[in-house]
């Protein structure tokens, strides 16, 4: 690559990626692609720095390095492929197929989506807006219950498939994930579970409408590094204080990270208990917080 003006020490300072890692990425994955001066010193361009930053971003999201390199190289060679117009087309194709009960066409659109985007970007920029739009259409009676159920079940099955693609290493921090009692909308929590697995954590996913007593008993038995809870309604959110109060005594080392539409829309529902943390509105923010708390418990790093 021509136009290299930065030395490796400068690139390390700019991107936060160590020189050792930069050399390893170049050797193993072909990212970045610095030029060589007369003294054979690496010289990096602005384009190289952009590739490094993108690779670093994907790695932090838990994307395997080999897959991250493929995405970075493809994006560099075909700029604009995963831009907003392309994302809009993929979203429309997936939505139309789901509303038509066309599983084959929906599956093809899903595969194309996750070929073009990494997991977290696909979740945040396509799946989340799509499921929100479908939910709003159902509430306003613009689509049927059957269409909403078909779409939700399709996405749930694909998220399960993604989750099974990766297995945590022995000794990985454990995160228990559950919808609070009365909560049946789990897609957001499932996406969080998949993201955490791709980031190397062990997840125990309990799913929808977990009775409070059963949830407390499970956490007491497992003593996970983190408990992640979801509530989309005020009714579900009101179970959080009891869970937090009980576990403060019986699982005091397990922090609770909570989120969902109920907590996003009404800050008064958020817990003030010392063992609880609001995960924020974004999937990546919640995953980063859970990673930080889990690895602090095990003495690791983020």
Protein backbone atom coordinates (compact mmCIF):
# COMPACT_ATOMS: atom_id res chain seq x y z
CA UNK A 1 0.00 0.00 0.00
CA UNK A 2 1.43 3.36 -0.98
CA UNK A 3 1.46 6.64 0.89
CA UNK A 4 2.71 5.32 4.21
CA UNK A 5 3.65 8.20 6.52
CA UNK A 6 3.36 6.70 10.01
CA UNK A 7 5.88 4.50 11.82
CA UNK A 8 4.72 1.59 13.93
CA UNK A 9 5.25 3.42 17.23
CA UNK A 10 3.03 6.25 16.00
CA UNK A 11 0.34 3.81 14.88
CA UNK A 12 0.45 2.13 18.29
CA UNK A 13 -0.12 5.50 19.97
CA UNK A 14 -2.91 6.48 17.57
CA UNK A 15 -4.89 3.23 17.64
CA UNK A 16 -4.07 1.72 21.03
CA UNK A 17 -3.02 -1.53 19.35
CA UNK A 18 0.42 -2.76 20.39
CA UNK A 19 3.27 -3.08 17.90
CA UNK A 20 3.47 -6.81 18.66
CA UNK A 21 -0.23 -7.22 17.80
CA UNK A 22 0.14 -5.15 14.63
CA UNK A 23 2.95 -7.36 13.39
CA UNK A 24 1.00 -10.51 14.30
CA UNK A 25 -2.12 -9.32 12.47
CA UNK A 26 -0.08 -8.46 9.38
CA UNK A 27 1.67 -11.83 9.38
CA UNK A 28 -1.36 -14.00 10.09
CA UNK A 29 -4.28 -12.14 8.54
CA UNK A 30 -2.89 -9.61 6.05
CA UNK A 31 -4.23 -6.66 8.03
CA UNK A 32 -2.89 -3.99 7.86
CA UNK A 33 -0.85 -3.69 4.67
CA UNK A 34 2.03 -1.27 5.34
CA UNK A 35 4.58 -0.33 2.72
CA UNK A 36 8.32 -0.83 3.30
CA UNK A 37 10.94 1.87 3.13
CA UNK A 38 14.54 1.50 2.04
CA UNK A 39 15.48 0.26 5.51
CA UNK A 40 12.60 -2.22 5.41
CA UNK A 41 10.79 -0.26 8.11
CA UNK A 42 7.01 -0.45 8.01
CA UNK A 43 5.23 2.71 6.89
CA UNK A 44 1.48 2.98 7.53
CA UNK A 45 -1.04 5.09 5.64
CA UNK A 46 -4.33 6.63 6.78
CA UNK A 47 -6.07 3.68 5.12
CA UNK A 48 -3.94 1.28 7.17
CA UNK A 49 -4.94 3.08 10.34
CA UNK A 50 -8.61 2.86 9.37
CA UNK A 51 -8.25 -0.90 8.84
CA UNK A 52 -6.49 -1.31 12.21
CA UNK A 53 -9.20 0.62 14.02
CA UNK A 54 -11.90 -1.47 12.34
CA UNK A 55 -10.08 -4.71 13.16
CA UNK A 56 -9.67 -3.58 16.77
CA UNK A 57 -13.37 -2.66 16.98
CA UNK A 58 -14.47 -6.06 15.68
CA UNK A 59 -12.07 -7.89 18.00
CA UNK A 60 -13.50 -6.01 21.00
CA UNK A 61 -16.98 -7.10 19.91
CA UNK A 62 -15.86 -10.72 20.10
CA UNK A 63 -15.58 -11.39 16.36
CA UNK A 64 -12.91 -14.08 15.74
CA UNK A 65 -9.79 -12.46 14.31
CA UNK A 66 -9.81 -14.48 11.10
CA UNK A 67 -13.41 -13.44 10.43
CA UNK A 68 -12.66 -9.84 11.43
CA UNK A 69 -9.81 -9.72 8.93
CA UNK A 70 -12.06 -11.03 6.16
CA UNK A 71 -14.59 -8.28 6.88
CA UNK A 72 -11.93 -5.55 7.07
CA UNK A 73 -10.33 -6.60 3.79
CA UNK A 74 -13.69 -6.90 2.04
CA UNK A 75 -14.77 -3.46 3.26
CA UNK A 76 -11.45 -1.97 2.10
CA UNK A 77 -11.73 -3.57 -1.34
CA UNK A 78 -15.44 -2.79 -1.81
CA UNK A 79 -16.03 0.48 0.02
CA UNK A 80 -19.66 1.26 0.74
CA UNK A 81 -20.81 -2.37 0.59
CA UNK A 82 -22.12 -2.25 4.16
CA UNK A 83 -23.24 1.38 4.10
CA UNK A 84 -26.69 2.63 5.04
CA UNK A 85 -28.32 2.00 1.62
CA UNK A 86 -27.15 -1.60 1.66
CA UNK A 87 -28.34 -2.09 5.23
CA UNK A 88 -31.72 -0.61 4.29
CA UNK A 89 -32.06 -3.04 1.38
CA UNK A 90 -31.22 -6.04 3.56
CA UNK A 91 -33.66 -4.92 6.24
CA UNK A 92 -36.46 -4.47 3.72
CA UNK A 93 -35.80 -7.87 2.16
CA UNK A 94 -35.85 -9.60 5.53
CA UNK A 95 -38.97 -7.75 6.68
CA UNK A 96 -40.92 -8.50 3.50
CA UNK A 97 -40.01 -12.17 3.62
CA UNK A 98 -41.07 -12.48 7.27
CA UNK A 99 -44.38 -10.74 6.68
CA UNK A 100 -45.02 -13.11 3.73
CA UNK A 101 -44.21 -16.19 5.87
CA UNK A 102 -41.44 -16.94 3.36
CA UNK A 103 -38.87 -18.72 5.50
CA UNK A 104 -36.52 -19.59 2.62
CA UNK A 105 -36.30 -15.99 1.41
CA UNK A 106 -35.94 -14.72 4.97
CA UNK A 107 -33.14 -17.22 5.60
CA UNK A 108 -31.32 -16.08 2.44
CA UNK A 109 -31.59 -12.43 3.52
CA UNK A 110 -30.36 -13.31 7.02
CA UNK A 111 -27.31 -15.13 5.65
CA UNK A 112 -26.49 -12.24 3.33
CA UNK A 113 -26.85 -9.81 6.21
CA UNK A 114 -24.37 -11.62 8.43
CA UNK A 115 -21.99 -12.10 5.52
CA UNK A 116 -21.92 -8.33 5.07
CA UNK A 117 -21.89 -7.26 8.73
CA UNK A 118 -20.32 -8.47 11.93
CA UNK A 119 -22.65 -9.87 14.59
CA UNK A 120 -23.03 -6.79 16.80
CA UNK A 121 -23.41 -4.38 13.88
CA UNK A 122 -26.02 -6.66 12.35
CA UNK A 123 -27.90 -6.74 15.64
CA UNK A 124 -27.77 -3.00 16.35
CA UNK A 125 -28.38 -1.68 12.84
CA UNK A 126 -30.78 -4.25 11.43
CA UNK A 127 -32.29 -6.76 13.86
CA UNK A 128 -33.11 -4.30 16.66
CA UNK A 129 -34.82 -1.72 14.39
CA UNK A 130 -36.58 -4.49 12.47
CA UNK A 131 -38.04 -6.13 15.58
CA UNK A 132 -39.02 -2.76 16.99
CA UNK A 133 -40.86 -1.90 13.77
CA UNK A 134 -42.61 -5.28 13.75
CA UNK A 135 -43.67 -4.81 17.38
CA UNK A 136 -45.07 -1.36 16.64
CA UNK A 137 -46.92 -2.67 13.59
CA UNK A 138 -48.49 -5.41 15.68
CA UNK A 139 -49.57 -2.99 18.42
CA UNK A 140 -51.17 -0.71 15.83
CA UNK A 141 -52.86 -3.75 14.19
CA UNK A 142 -51.09 -3.21 10.86
CA UNK A 143 -49.88 -6.82 10.96
CA UNK A 144 -51.41 -9.92 12.50
CA UNK A 145 -50.43 -11.80 15.64
CA UNK A 146 -49.39 -14.69 13.39
CA UNK A 147 -46.99 -12.48 11.44
CA UNK A 148 -45.43 -11.11 14.63
CA UNK A 149 -45.04 -14.60 16.11
CA UNK A 150 -43.54 -15.97 12.89
CA UNK A 151 -41.00 -13.15 12.73
CA UNK A 152 -40.06 -13.47 16.40
CA UNK A 153 -39.68 -17.23 16.19
CA UNK A 154 -37.57 -16.95 13.04
CA UNK A 155 -35.19 -14.46 14.66
CA UNK A 156 -35.08 -16.46 17.90
CA UNK A 157 -34.07 -19.62 16.02
CA UNK A 158 -31.31 -17.80 14.10
CA UNK A 159 -29.97 -16.29 17.31
CA UNK A 160 -29.85 -19.76 18.82
CA UNK A 161 -27.88 -20.96 15.77
CA UNK A 162 -25.41 -18.11 16.17
CA UNK A 163 -25.00 -18.90 19.85
CA UNK A 164 -24.10 -22.50 19.10
CA UNK A 165 -21.30 -21.46 16.74
CA UNK A 166 -19.00 -20.67 19.65
CA UNK A 167 -18.17 -22.56 22.83
CA UNK A 168 -16.60 -20.85 25.85
CA UNK A 169 -13.19 -21.95 27.03
CA UNK A 170 -12.93 -23.83 30.35
CA UNK A 171 -12.80 -21.39 33.22
CA UNK A 172 -14.54 -18.58 31.33
CA UNK A 173 -16.62 -16.22 33.49
CA UNK A 174 -20.27 -17.22 33.77
CA UNK A 175 -23.19 -14.89 33.10
CA UNK A 176 -26.77 -15.89 33.92
CA UNK A 177 -29.33 -14.12 31.72
CA UNK A 178 -33.07 -14.01 32.38
CA UNK A 179 -36.24 -12.08 31.68
CA UNK A 180 -37.83 -10.96 34.93
CA UNK A 181 -41.11 -12.54 35.98
CA UNK A 182 -43.95 -11.74 33.59
CA UNK A 183 -41.63 -10.71 30.74
CA UNK A 184 -42.11 -12.59 27.45
CA UNK A 185 -40.16 -10.46 24.96
CA UNK A 186 -36.67 -11.91 24.95
CA UNK A 187 -35.10 -11.00 21.59
CA UNK A 188 -32.96 -8.22 23.06
CA UNK A 189 -31.70 -10.48 25.84
CA UNK A 190 -30.97 -13.26 23.34
CA UNK A 191 -28.87 -10.87 21.26
CA UNK A 192 -26.96 -9.92 24.39
CA UNK A 193 -26.37 -13.60 25.19
CA UNK A 194 -25.02 -14.26 21.67
CA UNK A 195 -22.76 -11.20 21.87
CA UNK A 196 -21.32 -12.33 25.20
CA UNK A 197 -20.63 -15.83 23.87
CA UNK A 198 -18.78 -14.36 20.90
CA UNK A 199 -16.75 -12.36 23.41
CA UNK A 200 -15.69 -15.54 25.23
CA UNK A 201 -18.05 -15.64 28.20
CA UNK A 202 -20.03 -18.66 29.36
CA UNK A 203 -23.76 -17.91 29.27
CA UNK A 204 -26.59 -19.66 31.09
CA UNK A 205 -29.71 -18.43 29.35
CA UNK A 206 -32.92 -18.91 31.36
CA UNK A 207 -35.26 -17.21 28.89
CA UNK A 208 -38.71 -15.69 29.29
CA UNK A 209 -40.83 -15.11 32.39
CA UNK A 210 -38.52 -16.61 35.01
CA UNK A 211 -40.33 -16.76 38.38
CA UNK A 212 -38.57 -14.62 40.94
CA UNK A 213 -38.07 -17.45 43.43
CA UNK A 214 -36.64 -19.74 40.76
CA UNK A 215 -34.31 -17.00 39.52
CA UNK A 216 -33.00 -16.29 43.01
CA UNK A 217 -32.48 -20.01 43.69
CA UNK A 218 -30.55 -20.47 40.44
CA UNK A 219 -28.20 -17.57 41.13
CA UNK A 220 -27.63 -18.79 44.70
CA UNK A 221 -26.73 -22.24 43.37
CA UNK A 222 -24.56 -21.14 40.43
CA UNK A 223 -22.95 -18.01 41.96
CA UNK A 224 -22.22 -16.55 38.49
CA UNK A 225 -19.79 -13.73 37.87
CA UNK A 226 -22.69 -11.56 36.60
CA UNK A 227 -26.50 -11.75 36.50
CA UNK A 228 -28.10 -9.97 33.50
CA UNK A 229 -31.82 -9.17 33.76
CA UNK A 230 -34.31 -7.80 31.24
CA UNK A 231 -37.69 -6.08 31.58
CA UNK A 232 -39.75 -4.46 28.89
CA UNK A 233 -42.69 -3.48 31.11
CA UNK A 234 -43.02 -1.65 34.44
CA UNK A 235 -44.66 -4.76 35.92
CA UNK A 236 -41.61 -6.86 35.17
CA UNK A 237 -39.20 -4.15 36.29
CA UNK A 238 -40.81 -4.03 39.73
CA UNK A 239 -39.46 -7.51 40.50
CA UNK A 240 -35.88 -6.19 40.37
CA UNK A 241 -35.71 -4.70 43.91
CA UNK A 242 -36.63 -8.01 45.54
CA UNK A 243 -34.11 -9.92 43.45
CA UNK A 244 -31.39 -7.40 44.26
CA UNK A 245 -32.18 -7.30 47.98
CA UNK A 246 -32.20 -11.08 48.36
CA UNK A 247 -29.05 -11.70 46.34
CA UNK A 248 -27.16 -8.99 48.20
CA UNK A 249 -27.22 -11.42 51.11
CA UNK A 250 -27.07 -14.82 49.39
CA UNK A 251 -24.86 -14.03 46.35
CA UNK A 252 -23.09 -10.83 47.42
CA UNK A 253 -20.25 -11.17 44.90
CA UNK A 254 -22.56 -11.36 41.88
CA UNK A 255 -23.29 -7.92 40.39
CA UNK A 256 -26.62 -7.45 38.60
CA UNK A 257 -26.75 -5.70 35.23
CA UNK A 258 -30.28 -4.84 34.12
CA UNK A 259 -31.83 -3.29 31.03
CA UNK A 260 -34.79 -3.20 28.69
CA UNK A 261 -37.42 -0.76 27.49
CA UNK A 262 -38.96 -0.32 30.95
CA UNK A 263 -35.70 0.97 32.45
CA UNK A 264 -34.82 2.96 29.32
CA UNK A 265 -38.10 4.86 29.28
CA UNK A 266 -38.61 5.40 33.02
CA UNK A 267 -35.48 6.15 35.09
CA UNK A 268 -37.59 5.94 38.26
CA UNK A 269 -37.68 2.15 37.80
CA UNK A 270 -33.90 1.87 37.90
CA UNK A 271 -32.42 0.28 40.98
CA UNK A 272 -30.29 2.13 43.51
CA UNK A 273 -29.07 -1.04 45.21
CA UNK A 274 -25.26 -1.16 45.45
CA UNK A 275 -25.05 -4.54 43.69
CA UNK A 276 -26.95 -3.36 40.57
CA UNK A 277 -25.90 -1.50 37.42
CA UNK A 278 -28.04 -0.16 34.58
CA UNK A 279 -26.69 -1.59 31.31
CA UNK A 280 -27.69 1.39 29.17
CA UNK A 281 -29.66 1.56 25.93
CA UNK A 282 -27.13 0.00 23.58
CA UNK A 283 -26.27 -3.66 23.16
CA UNK A 284 -22.54 -2.99 22.96
CA UNK A 285 -22.57 -0.81 26.09
CA UNK A 286 -24.30 -3.56 28.09
CA UNK A 287 -21.91 -6.21 26.79
CA UNK A 288 -18.88 -4.06 27.63
CA UNK A 289 -20.12 -3.49 31.18
CA UNK A 290 -20.85 -7.18 31.72
CA UNK A 291 -17.42 -8.11 30.35
CA UNK A 292 -15.73 -5.65 32.66
CA UNK A 293 -17.57 -6.88 35.76
CA UNK A 294 -17.17 -10.56 34.88
CA UNK A 295 -13.43 -10.34 34.24
CA UNK A 296 -12.84 -8.29 37.36
CA UNK A 297 -14.39 -11.15 39.33
CA UNK A 298 -12.01 -13.66 37.74
CA UNK A 299 -8.95 -11.43 37.84
CA UNK A 300 -8.81 -11.11 34.04
CA UNK A 301 -8.83 -8.14 31.74
CA UNK A 302 -11.48 -6.78 29.45
